[in-house]
Protein backbone atom coordinates (compact mmCIF):
# COMPACT_ATOMS: atom_id res chain seq x y z
CA MET A 1 -97.84 -29.64 7.91
CA THR A 2 -98.16 -32.75 9.99
CA GLN A 3 -96.98 -32.97 13.57
CA GLN A 4 -94.79 -35.93 12.60
CA GLY A 5 -92.98 -33.86 9.96
CA MET A 6 -92.24 -31.10 12.47
CA VAL A 7 -90.89 -33.59 15.00
CA GLU A 8 -88.60 -35.10 12.36
CA VAL A 9 -87.19 -31.70 11.37
CA GLU A 10 -86.68 -30.81 15.03
CA GLU A 11 -84.85 -34.13 15.55
CA LEU A 12 -82.72 -33.50 12.44
CA VAL A 13 -81.49 -30.17 13.82
CA ARG A 14 -80.93 -31.74 17.25
CA GLU A 15 -78.77 -34.54 15.81
CA ILE A 16 -76.72 -32.17 13.64
CA ALA A 17 -76.06 -29.95 16.67
CA ARG A 18 -75.14 -32.96 18.86
CA ALA A 19 -72.56 -34.01 16.28
CA LEU A 20 -70.94 -30.56 16.38
CA VAL A 21 -70.69 -29.80 20.11
CA ASP A 22 -68.60 -31.02 23.03
CA GLU A 23 -71.62 -31.33 25.34
CA PRO A 24 -74.34 -33.13 23.34
CA ALA A 25 -76.53 -33.56 26.43
CA ALA A 26 -76.96 -29.77 26.63
CA VAL A 27 -78.48 -29.49 23.13
CA ASP A 28 -82.11 -28.43 23.14
CA VAL A 29 -84.34 -27.62 20.18
CA GLN A 30 -87.75 -26.06 20.62
CA SER A 31 -90.14 -25.26 17.81
CA VAL A 32 -92.44 -22.26 17.69
CA ASN A 33 -95.20 -22.79 15.16
CA ARG A 34 -96.51 -19.79 13.34
CA GLU A 35 -99.07 -19.58 10.59
CA GLU A 36 -96.57 -19.20 7.74
CA ASN A 37 -93.46 -20.86 9.21
CA THR A 38 -91.88 -22.72 12.12
CA VAL A 39 -88.99 -21.23 14.07
CA LEU A 40 -86.56 -23.76 15.53
CA LYS A 41 -84.77 -22.38 18.57
CA LEU A 42 -81.45 -24.12 19.18
CA LYS A 43 -79.86 -23.89 22.60
CA VAL A 44 -76.42 -25.36 23.38
CA ALA A 45 -73.94 -25.06 26.24
CA PRO A 46 -72.35 -21.57 26.40
CA ASN A 47 -68.92 -22.87 25.36
CA ASP A 48 -70.42 -24.66 22.31
CA VAL A 49 -72.18 -21.68 20.71
CA GLY A 50 -69.13 -20.92 18.57
CA LYS A 51 -68.98 -24.49 17.31
CA VAL A 52 -72.59 -24.34 16.14
CA ILE A 53 -72.13 -20.95 14.48
CA GLY A 54 -68.73 -21.74 12.94
CA LYS A 55 -66.14 -19.41 11.47
CA GLN A 56 -67.88 -16.42 9.89
CA GLY A 57 -71.19 -18.22 10.44
CA ARG A 58 -70.48 -20.95 7.91
CA THR A 59 -71.75 -23.85 10.02
CA ALA A 60 -74.97 -22.04 10.92
CA ARG A 61 -75.44 -21.10 7.25
CA SER A 62 -74.99 -24.74 6.25
CA VAL A 63 -77.62 -25.93 8.73
CA ARG A 64 -79.97 -23.21 7.44
CA THR A 65 -79.32 -24.41 3.88
CA ILE A 66 -80.36 -27.93 4.90
CA LEU A 67 -83.49 -26.48 6.51
CA GLY A 68 -84.19 -24.65 3.25
CA ALA A 69 -84.08 -27.93 1.35
CA VAL A 70 -86.36 -29.57 3.91
CA SER A 71 -88.72 -26.60 3.65
CA MET A 72 -89.00 -27.09 -0.10
CA LYS A 73 -89.67 -30.80 0.28
CA LEU A 74 -92.28 -30.42 3.04
CA HIS A 75 -93.83 -27.21 1.64
CA HIS A 76 -93.44 -25.47 4.99
CA ARG A 77 -90.84 -22.83 5.84
CA TYR A 78 -88.41 -23.48 8.71
CA THR A 79 -86.02 -20.95 10.21
CA LEU A 80 -83.25 -21.50 12.74
CA ASP A 81 -82.46 -19.25 15.69
CA ILE A 82 -79.32 -20.02 17.69
CA LEU A 83 -79.86 -18.72 21.20
CA GLU A 84 -77.04 -17.20 23.19
CA GLU A 85 -76.72 -18.25 26.85
CA ASP A 86 -78.55 -15.18 28.16
CA GLU A 87 -81.51 -15.44 25.76
CA GLN A 88 -84.69 -17.20 26.81
CA ALA A 89 -86.36 -19.85 24.65
């Protein structure tokens, strides 16, 4: 997996989250590279967490579905963690 590919996936998640929230400046995505996968940690403003998760988790599931498609294309597994306000990145 190239560094460029990881940056593009990170930017994809960042842009999707910015489109969903009321405070786009508060969106932060950090990637944690592991041997078999990359975990993308998404942090948003406390009042925007519900918007990113969606009703019954539908929005979060949709973003994870997109990441699944990207994972197949790039042959590298990506997972998404949405951090609550009290969790550390």
